Amino acid sequence: MWWLRTFLVLVAAASTAACGFHPLYGRDSYDADIQGQLASVRVLPLPDRQGQLLHNALLTNLSPRGETSQPKYTLRIVLQLTESQQALRKDDTATRNIMYYNIAYYLYEGETAITAGTFVHSFSYDFLLEHYANIAAQEDIKKRAAGSIADEIRTRLAAYFAKASEVKAGR
């Protein structure tokens, strides 16, 4: 029976290879054309410290070699952060904090919006008895959130550019 399972797995793998499926995170996700388009995105500045962290993470993800002098696209991000305290102790002090990030992004080519999207990420951390530990945990969450959100936006923009390239090529 093991040979039947092996055979079925091989047939399934062969059928997905022929259907045009391309993994977004594989080596093909670093296609030179898509990389060039991502590098030509100018990220508009965001307000406050969390916005600055996200802006810097986006710059690193989209154009690791530095910002282009002649951007073709403009990316505008709207970031809303809300916090919720969870898991109360008997004395009504919180033991856990959840931070919700509501993100909307808009990609423009000139004055024309060519793609947009929204998504929500949540991150949490535990409150400890030491005040400094809580501050450090909150700062760590903000940095990790910025990186995670930047990864999500980069992935969505790469998918958009890949799809637009396929449509342009007539596939």
N, C-alpha and C. Protein backbone atom coordinates (compact mmCIF):
# COMPACT_ATOMS: atom_id res chain seq x y z
N MET A 1 0.80 -1.21 0.00
CA MET A 1 0.00 0.00 0.00
C MET A 1 0.84 1.27 0.00
N TRP A 2 2.05 1.20 0.54
CA TRP A 2 2.90 2.39 0.58
C TRP A 2 3.23 2.86 -0.82
N TRP A 3 3.36 1.92 -1.77
CA TRP A 3 3.68 2.29 -3.14
C TRP A 3 2.52 3.05 -3.78
N LEU A 4 1.28 2.75 -3.38
CA LEU A 4 0.12 3.45 -3.92
C LEU A 4 0.10 4.90 -3.45
N ARG A 5 0.39 5.10 -2.16
CA ARG A 5 0.45 6.47 -1.63
C ARG A 5 1.57 7.26 -2.29
N THR A 6 2.72 6.62 -2.47
CA THR A 6 3.85 7.29 -3.12
C THR A 6 3.49 7.67 -4.54
N PHE A 7 2.85 6.76 -5.25
CA PHE A 7 2.42 7.02 -6.61
C PHE A 7 1.45 8.21 -6.68
N LEU A 8 0.48 8.23 -5.78
CA LEU A 8 -0.50 9.32 -5.76
C LEU A 8 0.15 10.68 -5.45
N VAL A 9 1.11 10.68 -4.55
CA VAL A 9 1.83 11.92 -4.22
C VAL A 9 2.61 12.40 -5.43
N LEU A 10 3.26 11.49 -6.14
CA LEU A 10 4.01 11.88 -7.33
C LEU A 10 3.10 12.39 -8.43
N VAL A 11 1.95 11.78 -8.63
CA VAL A 11 0.99 12.25 -9.62
C VAL A 11 0.47 13.63 -9.25
N ALA A 12 0.18 13.86 -7.97
CA ALA A 12 -0.30 15.18 -7.53
C ALA A 12 0.78 16.23 -7.74
N ALA A 13 2.02 15.91 -7.43
CA ALA A 13 3.12 16.86 -7.62
C ALA A 13 3.33 17.18 -9.09
N ALA A 14 3.24 16.17 -9.93
CA ALA A 14 3.43 16.40 -11.37
C ALA A 14 2.29 17.23 -11.95
N SER A 15 1.08 17.03 -11.46
CA SER A 15 -0.04 17.78 -12.00
C SER A 15 0.01 19.25 -11.60
N THR A 16 0.51 19.56 -10.41
CA THR A 16 0.61 20.98 -10.03
C THR A 16 1.76 21.65 -10.75
N ALA A 17 2.78 20.90 -11.13
CA ALA A 17 3.91 21.50 -11.86
C ALA A 17 3.48 21.93 -13.25
N ALA A 18 2.51 21.27 -13.82
CA ALA A 18 2.09 21.58 -15.18
C ALA A 18 0.97 22.62 -15.26
N CYS A 19 0.40 23.02 -14.13
CA CYS A 19 -0.77 23.89 -14.18
C CYS A 19 -0.43 25.38 -14.16
N GLY A 20 0.84 25.72 -14.11
CA GLY A 20 1.21 27.12 -14.08
C GLY A 20 1.31 27.71 -12.69
N PHE A 21 1.21 26.87 -11.68
CA PHE A 21 1.31 27.33 -10.29
C PHE A 21 2.75 27.74 -10.02
N HIS A 22 2.94 28.94 -9.46
CA HIS A 22 4.26 29.41 -9.08
C HIS A 22 4.22 29.87 -7.64
N PRO A 23 5.06 29.32 -6.77
CA PRO A 23 5.04 29.76 -5.37
C PRO A 23 5.54 31.19 -5.26
N LEU A 24 4.86 31.99 -4.47
CA LEU A 24 5.21 33.39 -4.32
C LEU A 24 6.48 33.58 -3.52
N TYR A 25 6.79 32.64 -2.61
CA TYR A 25 7.96 32.81 -1.76
C TYR A 25 9.18 32.06 -2.29
N GLY A 26 9.08 31.36 -3.38
CA GLY A 26 10.20 30.61 -3.91
C GLY A 26 11.21 31.52 -4.59
N ARG A 27 12.17 30.90 -5.28
CA ARG A 27 13.20 31.70 -5.93
C ARG A 27 12.62 32.54 -7.05
N ASP A 28 11.49 32.12 -7.62
CA ASP A 28 10.86 32.91 -8.67
C ASP A 28 10.25 34.20 -8.15
N SER A 29 10.04 34.31 -6.84
CA SER A 29 9.47 35.55 -6.31
C SER A 29 10.47 36.69 -6.40
N TYR A 30 11.72 36.36 -6.66
CA TYR A 30 12.74 37.38 -6.79
C TYR A 30 13.05 37.62 -8.27
N ASP A 31 12.04 37.53 -9.10
CA ASP A 31 12.16 37.81 -10.52
C ASP A 31 12.70 39.23 -10.70
N ALA A 32 13.64 39.40 -11.60
CA ALA A 32 14.31 40.70 -11.78
C ALA A 32 13.31 41.79 -12.18
N ASP A 33 12.33 41.45 -13.01
CA ASP A 33 11.34 42.45 -13.43
C ASP A 33 10.49 42.91 -12.25
N ILE A 34 10.04 41.96 -11.44
CA ILE A 34 9.23 42.31 -10.26
C ILE A 34 10.08 43.07 -9.26
N GLN A 35 11.32 42.67 -9.07
CA GLN A 35 12.21 43.39 -8.17
C GLN A 35 12.40 44.83 -8.63
N GLY A 36 12.54 45.01 -9.93
CA GLY A 36 12.69 46.36 -10.48
C GLY A 36 11.46 47.21 -10.24
N GLN A 37 10.29 46.61 -10.40
CA GLN A 37 9.07 47.36 -10.16
C GLN A 37 8.90 47.69 -8.69
N LEU A 38 9.22 46.74 -7.81
CA LEU A 38 9.13 47.01 -6.37
C LEU A 38 10.11 48.10 -5.96
N ALA A 39 11.29 48.09 -6.57
CA ALA A 39 12.30 49.10 -6.24
C ALA A 39 11.91 50.48 -6.74
N SER A 40 10.99 50.55 -7.69
CA SER A 40 10.58 51.86 -8.22
C SER A 40 9.36 52.43 -7.49
N VAL A 41 9.07 51.88 -6.32
CA VAL A 41 7.94 52.36 -5.50
C VAL A 41 8.47 53.36 -4.47
N ARG A 42 7.88 54.53 -4.45
CA ARG A 42 8.21 55.53 -3.43
C ARG A 42 7.18 55.39 -2.32
N VAL A 43 7.65 55.26 -1.10
CA VAL A 43 6.78 55.09 0.06
C VAL A 43 6.61 56.46 0.72
N LEU A 44 5.36 56.90 0.79
CA LEU A 44 5.10 58.19 1.43
C LEU A 44 5.34 58.08 2.94
N PRO A 45 5.85 59.14 3.55
CA PRO A 45 6.10 59.11 5.00
C PRO A 45 4.81 58.90 5.79
N LEU A 46 4.97 58.26 6.94
CA LEU A 46 3.85 58.00 7.84
C LEU A 46 4.08 58.75 9.15
N PRO A 47 2.99 59.16 9.82
CA PRO A 47 3.16 59.89 11.08
C PRO A 47 3.54 58.97 12.24
N ASP A 48 4.03 59.50 13.27
CA ASP A 48 4.40 58.91 14.57
C ASP A 48 5.46 57.82 14.46
N ARG A 49 5.88 57.29 15.60
CA ARG A 49 6.97 56.32 15.66
C ARG A 49 6.62 55.01 14.96
N GLN A 50 5.41 54.51 15.15
CA GLN A 50 5.02 53.26 14.49
C GLN A 50 5.04 53.43 12.98
N GLY A 51 4.60 54.57 12.50
CA GLY A 51 4.64 54.85 11.07
C GLY A 51 6.06 54.90 10.55
N GLN A 52 6.97 55.48 11.34
CA GLN A 52 8.37 55.54 10.95
C GLN A 52 8.98 54.14 10.86
N LEU A 53 8.66 53.28 11.82
CA LEU A 53 9.15 51.91 11.78
C LEU A 53 8.64 51.18 10.55
N LEU A 54 7.36 51.35 10.23
CA LEU A 54 6.78 50.71 9.06
C LEU A 54 7.40 51.27 7.78
N HIS A 55 7.57 52.57 7.70
CA HIS A 55 8.17 53.22 6.54
C HIS A 55 9.57 52.65 6.28
N ASN A 56 10.38 52.55 7.32
CA ASN A 56 11.73 52.04 7.17
C ASN A 56 11.74 50.56 6.77
N ALA A 57 10.83 49.77 7.34
CA ALA A 57 10.75 48.36 6.98
C ALA A 57 10.32 48.20 5.52
N LEU A 58 9.41 49.04 5.06
CA LEU A 58 8.98 48.99 3.66
C LEU A 58 10.13 49.37 2.72
N LEU A 59 10.88 50.40 3.09
CA LEU A 59 12.02 50.79 2.25
C LEU A 59 13.01 49.65 2.12
N THR A 60 13.27 48.96 3.21
CA THR A 60 14.20 47.83 3.19
C THR A 60 13.65 46.68 2.35
N ASN A 61 12.36 46.39 2.48
CA ASN A 61 11.76 45.27 1.75
C ASN A 61 11.60 45.56 0.26
N LEU A 62 11.21 46.75 -0.08
CA LEU A 62 10.93 47.06 -1.48
C LEU A 62 12.18 47.38 -2.28
N SER A 63 13.10 48.12 -1.69
CA SER A 63 14.31 48.49 -2.42
C SER A 63 15.52 48.40 -1.49
N PRO A 64 16.04 47.19 -1.31
CA PRO A 64 17.15 47.01 -0.37
C PRO A 64 18.42 47.76 -0.76
N ARG A 65 18.53 48.17 -2.00
CA ARG A 65 19.72 48.90 -2.45
C ARG A 65 19.56 50.41 -2.29
N GLY A 66 18.46 50.84 -1.75
CA GLY A 66 18.22 52.26 -1.55
C GLY A 66 17.11 52.77 -2.44
N GLU A 67 16.57 53.91 -2.09
CA GLU A 67 15.46 54.48 -2.84
C GLU A 67 15.90 54.91 -4.23
N THR A 68 15.01 54.73 -5.18
CA THR A 68 15.28 55.15 -6.54
C THR A 68 15.13 56.66 -6.67
N SER A 69 15.89 57.24 -7.57
CA SER A 69 15.80 58.69 -7.75
C SER A 69 14.61 59.07 -8.62
N GLN A 70 14.11 58.13 -9.42
CA GLN A 70 12.95 58.39 -10.28
C GLN A 70 11.89 57.31 -10.07
N PRO A 71 11.10 57.46 -9.01
CA PRO A 71 10.08 56.43 -8.75
C PRO A 71 8.97 56.46 -9.79
N LYS A 72 8.48 55.29 -10.12
CA LYS A 72 7.37 55.15 -11.07
C LYS A 72 6.03 55.06 -10.34
N TYR A 73 6.07 54.51 -9.13
CA TYR A 73 4.87 54.28 -8.34
C TYR A 73 4.98 55.00 -7.00
N THR A 74 3.83 55.28 -6.41
CA THR A 74 3.78 55.87 -5.07
C THR A 74 2.88 55.01 -4.20
N LEU A 75 3.37 54.68 -3.02
CA LEU A 75 2.62 53.85 -2.08
C LEU A 75 2.20 54.70 -0.89
N ARG A 76 0.90 54.72 -0.65
CA ARG A 76 0.36 55.44 0.51
C ARG A 76 -0.23 54.42 1.46
N ILE A 77 0.15 54.54 2.72
CA ILE A 77 -0.31 53.62 3.76
C ILE A 77 -1.13 54.39 4.77
N VAL A 78 -2.25 53.81 5.18
CA VAL A 78 -3.04 54.34 6.29
C VAL A 78 -2.98 53.28 7.38
N LEU A 79 -2.44 53.65 8.53
CA LEU A 79 -2.22 52.72 9.62
C LEU A 79 -3.01 53.17 10.84
N GLN A 80 -3.82 52.27 11.37
CA GLN A 80 -4.58 52.57 12.58
C GLN A 80 -4.23 51.49 13.61
N LEU A 81 -3.82 51.93 14.78
CA LEU A 81 -3.42 51.02 15.85
C LEU A 81 -4.38 51.15 17.01
N THR A 82 -4.92 50.04 17.46
CA THR A 82 -5.76 50.03 18.66
C THR A 82 -5.23 48.95 19.60
N GLU A 83 -5.38 49.21 20.89
CA GLU A 83 -4.92 48.26 21.90
C GLU A 83 -6.08 47.81 22.76
N SER A 84 -5.97 46.58 23.21
CA SER A 84 -7.00 46.02 24.06
C SER A 84 -6.33 45.20 25.16
N GLN A 85 -6.69 45.49 26.39
CA GLN A 85 -6.13 44.73 27.50
C GLN A 85 -7.02 43.53 27.78
N GLN A 86 -6.38 42.39 27.93
CA GLN A 86 -7.08 41.12 28.12
C GLN A 86 -6.59 40.45 29.39
N ALA A 87 -7.24 39.39 29.76
CA ALA A 87 -6.82 38.51 30.86
C ALA A 87 -6.57 39.30 32.14
N LEU A 88 -7.64 39.70 32.77
CA LEU A 88 -7.54 40.49 34.00
C LEU A 88 -7.26 39.62 35.22
N ARG A 89 -6.49 40.20 36.14
CA ARG A 89 -6.24 39.55 37.43
C ARG A 89 -7.41 39.85 38.36
N LYS A 90 -7.37 39.29 39.56
CA LYS A 90 -8.44 39.53 40.53
C LYS A 90 -8.53 40.99 40.94
N ASP A 91 -7.40 41.71 40.88
CA ASP A 91 -7.42 43.13 41.25
C ASP A 91 -7.69 44.03 40.04
N ASP A 92 -8.19 43.47 38.96
CA ASP A 92 -8.56 44.18 37.73
C ASP A 92 -7.38 44.80 36.98
N THR A 93 -6.19 44.31 37.18
CA THR A 93 -5.07 44.75 36.36
C THR A 93 -4.89 43.74 35.23
N ALA A 94 -4.54 44.26 34.07
CA ALA A 94 -4.40 43.41 32.88
C ALA A 94 -3.11 42.60 32.94
N THR A 95 -3.16 41.42 32.37
CA THR A 95 -1.96 40.60 32.28
C THR A 95 -1.53 40.39 30.83
N ARG A 96 -2.33 40.84 29.90
CA ARG A 96 -2.01 40.66 28.48
C ARG A 96 -2.55 41.85 27.69
N ASN A 97 -1.79 42.27 26.70
CA ASN A 97 -2.19 43.38 25.84
C ASN A 97 -2.17 42.91 24.40
N ILE A 98 -3.22 43.23 23.66
CA ILE A 98 -3.29 42.88 22.24
C ILE A 98 -3.31 44.19 21.45
N MET A 99 -2.44 44.26 20.44
CA MET A 99 -2.37 45.43 19.58
C MET A 99 -2.90 45.03 18.21
N TYR A 100 -3.92 45.75 17.74
CA TYR A 100 -4.54 45.49 16.44
C TYR A 100 -4.08 46.56 15.46
N TYR A 101 -3.55 46.11 14.34
CA TYR A 101 -3.10 47.01 13.29
C TYR A 101 -4.05 46.88 12.11
N ASN A 102 -4.78 47.94 11.82
CA ASN A 102 -5.63 47.99 10.63
C ASN A 102 -4.85 48.76 9.57
N ILE A 103 -4.58 48.10 8.45
CA ILE A 103 -3.74 48.67 7.41
C ILE A 103 -4.53 48.78 6.12
N ALA A 104 -4.43 49.92 5.50
CA ALA A 104 -4.95 50.13 4.15
C ALA A 104 -3.79 50.66 3.32
N TYR A 105 -3.61 50.13 2.13
CA TYR A 105 -2.54 50.61 1.27
C TYR A 105 -3.10 50.92 -0.11
N TYR A 106 -2.49 51.90 -0.75
CA TYR A 106 -2.91 52.37 -2.07
C TYR A 106 -1.66 52.57 -2.92
N LEU A 107 -1.61 51.93 -4.07
CA LEU A 107 -0.48 52.08 -4.98
C LEU A 107 -0.94 52.91 -6.17
N TYR A 108 -0.21 53.97 -6.42
CA TYR A 108 -0.54 54.90 -7.50
C TYR A 108 0.55 54.87 -8.57
N GLU A 109 0.11 54.98 -9.80
CA GLU A 109 1.03 55.24 -10.91
C GLU A 109 0.64 56.62 -11.42
N GLY A 110 1.45 57.59 -11.10
CA GLY A 110 1.07 58.98 -11.36
C GLY A 110 -0.05 59.36 -10.41
N GLU A 111 -1.17 59.79 -10.94
CA GLU A 111 -2.33 60.15 -10.13
C GLU A 111 -3.38 59.05 -10.08
N THR A 112 -3.12 57.95 -10.79
CA THR A 112 -4.10 56.87 -10.91
C THR A 112 -3.82 55.76 -9.90
N ALA A 113 -4.82 55.41 -9.13
CA ALA A 113 -4.70 54.28 -8.19
C ALA A 113 -4.78 53.00 -9.01
N ILE A 114 -3.76 52.15 -8.90
CA ILE A 114 -3.75 50.93 -9.69
C ILE A 114 -4.05 49.68 -8.86
N THR A 115 -3.83 49.73 -7.56
CA THR A 115 -4.22 48.64 -6.68
C THR A 115 -4.33 49.18 -5.26
N ALA A 116 -5.12 48.50 -4.48
CA ALA A 116 -5.32 48.89 -3.08
C ALA A 116 -5.73 47.63 -2.31
N GLY A 117 -5.62 47.72 -1.02
CA GLY A 117 -6.02 46.60 -0.20
C GLY A 117 -6.04 46.97 1.27
N THR A 118 -6.69 46.12 2.04
CA THR A 118 -6.74 46.31 3.48
C THR A 118 -6.52 44.95 4.15
N PHE A 119 -5.97 44.99 5.33
CA PHE A 119 -5.82 43.78 6.12
C PHE A 119 -5.60 44.18 7.58
N VAL A 120 -5.73 43.20 8.45
CA VAL A 120 -5.58 43.41 9.89
C VAL A 120 -4.56 42.41 10.42
N HIS A 121 -3.66 42.90 11.25
CA HIS A 121 -2.72 42.03 11.97
C HIS A 121 -2.89 42.31 13.45
N SER A 122 -2.75 41.28 14.26
CA SER A 122 -2.78 41.49 15.71
C SER A 122 -1.55 40.86 16.34
N PHE A 123 -1.05 41.52 17.35
CA PHE A 123 0.12 41.07 18.08
C PHE A 123 -0.18 41.23 19.56
N SER A 124 0.38 40.37 20.37
CA SER A 124 0.10 40.47 21.80
C SER A 124 1.37 40.24 22.61
N TYR A 125 1.33 40.71 23.83
CA TYR A 125 2.42 40.49 24.76
C TYR A 125 1.85 40.46 26.17
N ASP A 126 2.59 39.85 27.07
CA ASP A 126 2.18 39.73 28.47
C ASP A 126 2.70 40.91 29.28
N PHE A 127 1.87 41.39 30.20
CA PHE A 127 2.32 42.39 31.16
C PHE A 127 3.08 41.68 32.27
N LEU A 128 4.20 42.25 32.63
CA LEU A 128 5.01 41.70 33.72
C LEU A 128 5.00 42.68 34.88
N LEU A 129 5.54 42.27 35.99
CA LEU A 129 5.56 43.14 37.16
C LEU A 129 6.55 44.29 37.00
N GLU A 130 7.59 44.09 36.21
CA GLU A 130 8.59 45.14 36.01
C GLU A 130 8.12 46.09 34.92
N HIS A 131 8.12 47.37 35.21
CA HIS A 131 7.64 48.38 34.26
C HIS A 131 8.51 48.41 33.01
N TYR A 132 9.83 48.35 33.19
CA TYR A 132 10.73 48.40 32.03
C TYR A 132 10.49 47.21 31.10
N ALA A 133 10.22 46.05 31.64
CA ALA A 133 9.96 44.86 30.82
C ALA A 133 8.73 45.06 29.94
N ASN A 134 7.72 45.72 30.46
CA ASN A 134 6.52 46.01 29.67
C ASN A 134 6.83 46.97 28.54
N ILE A 135 7.64 48.00 28.83
CA ILE A 135 8.02 48.95 27.78
C ILE A 135 8.83 48.25 26.70
N ALA A 136 9.79 47.42 27.12
CA ALA A 136 10.62 46.69 26.16
C ALA A 136 9.77 45.74 25.32
N ALA A 137 8.82 45.05 25.94
CA ALA A 137 7.95 44.14 25.20
C ALA A 137 7.10 44.89 24.18
N GLN A 138 6.58 46.04 24.57
CA GLN A 138 5.77 46.83 23.65
C GLN A 138 6.60 47.34 22.47
N GLU A 139 7.81 47.78 22.72
CA GLU A 139 8.69 48.24 21.64
C GLU A 139 9.06 47.09 20.71
N ASP A 140 9.30 45.93 21.27
CA ASP A 140 9.61 44.76 20.46
C ASP A 140 8.44 44.39 19.55
N ILE A 141 7.23 44.44 20.11
CA ILE A 141 6.03 44.14 19.31
C ILE A 141 5.90 45.14 18.17
N LYS A 142 6.16 46.41 18.44
CA LYS A 142 6.05 47.43 17.39
C LYS A 142 7.04 47.18 16.27
N LYS A 143 8.25 46.78 16.60
CA LYS A 143 9.26 46.49 15.58
C LYS A 143 8.90 45.25 14.78
N ARG A 144 8.45 44.20 15.47
CA ARG A 144 8.05 42.99 14.76
C ARG A 144 6.82 43.23 13.90
N ALA A 145 5.89 44.04 14.39
CA ALA A 145 4.69 44.36 13.63
C ALA A 145 5.06 45.10 12.34
N ALA A 146 5.97 46.06 12.45
CA ALA A 146 6.40 46.81 11.26
C ALA A 146 7.00 45.87 10.22
N GLY A 147 7.84 44.94 10.66
CA GLY A 147 8.43 43.99 9.72
C GLY A 147 7.40 43.07 9.09
N SER A 148 6.48 42.59 9.89
CA SER A 148 5.44 41.69 9.39
C SER A 148 4.50 42.39 8.41
N ILE A 149 4.11 43.60 8.74
CA ILE A 149 3.23 44.37 7.85
C ILE A 149 3.95 44.70 6.55
N ALA A 150 5.22 45.08 6.64
CA ALA A 150 6.00 45.37 5.43
C ALA A 150 6.12 44.13 4.55
N ASP A 151 6.32 42.96 5.16
CA ASP A 151 6.38 41.72 4.39
C ASP A 151 5.06 41.45 3.67
N GLU A 152 3.96 41.67 4.37
CA GLU A 152 2.63 41.45 3.78
C GLU A 152 2.39 42.39 2.59
N ILE A 153 2.74 43.65 2.77
CA ILE A 153 2.54 44.62 1.69
C ILE A 153 3.43 44.28 0.50
N ARG A 154 4.69 43.91 0.76
CA ARG A 154 5.60 43.55 -0.32
C ARG A 154 5.05 42.35 -1.09
N THR A 155 4.55 41.35 -0.37
CA THR A 155 3.99 40.17 -1.00
C THR A 155 2.79 40.52 -1.87
N ARG A 156 1.92 41.37 -1.36
CA ARG A 156 0.74 41.78 -2.13
C ARG A 156 1.12 42.59 -3.36
N LEU A 157 2.10 43.47 -3.23
CA LEU A 157 2.55 44.25 -4.39
C LEU A 157 3.24 43.36 -5.41
N ALA A 158 4.06 42.40 -4.95
CA ALA A 158 4.72 41.47 -5.86
C ALA A 158 3.69 40.64 -6.61
N ALA A 159 2.64 40.20 -5.92
CA ALA A 159 1.57 39.44 -6.57
C ALA A 159 0.87 40.31 -7.60
N TYR A 160 0.63 41.57 -7.28
CA TYR A 160 0.00 42.48 -8.24
C TYR A 160 0.87 42.65 -9.48
N PHE A 161 2.17 42.92 -9.28
CA PHE A 161 3.07 43.12 -10.42
C PHE A 161 3.20 41.85 -11.25
N ALA A 162 3.22 40.67 -10.61
CA ALA A 162 3.30 39.41 -11.35
C ALA A 162 2.05 39.20 -12.19
N LYS A 163 0.89 39.47 -11.60
CA LYS A 163 -0.37 39.31 -12.34
C LYS A 163 -0.46 40.32 -13.48
N ALA A 164 -0.05 41.57 -13.22
CA ALA A 164 -0.08 42.59 -14.27
C ALA A 164 0.87 42.23 -15.40
N SER A 165 2.01 41.61 -15.06
CA SER A 165 2.96 41.18 -16.09
C SER A 165 2.37 40.06 -16.94
N GLU A 166 1.66 39.13 -16.29
CA GLU A 166 1.01 38.05 -17.04
C GLU A 166 -0.07 38.59 -17.97
N VAL A 167 -0.86 39.53 -17.48
CA VAL A 167 -1.93 40.11 -18.29
C VAL A 167 -1.32 40.85 -19.48
N LYS A 168 -0.25 41.58 -19.22
CA LYS A 168 0.41 42.33 -20.28
C LYS A 168 1.00 41.41 -21.34
N ALA A 169 1.52 40.25 -20.90
CA ALA A 169 2.11 39.29 -21.81
C ALA A 169 1.04 38.45 -22.53
N GLY A 170 -0.22 38.58 -22.08
CA GLY A 170 -1.32 37.86 -22.72
C GLY A 170 -1.42 36.40 -22.34
N ARG A 171 -0.95 36.07 -21.12
CA ARG A 171 -1.02 34.67 -20.68
C ARG A 171 -2.31 34.39 -20.00
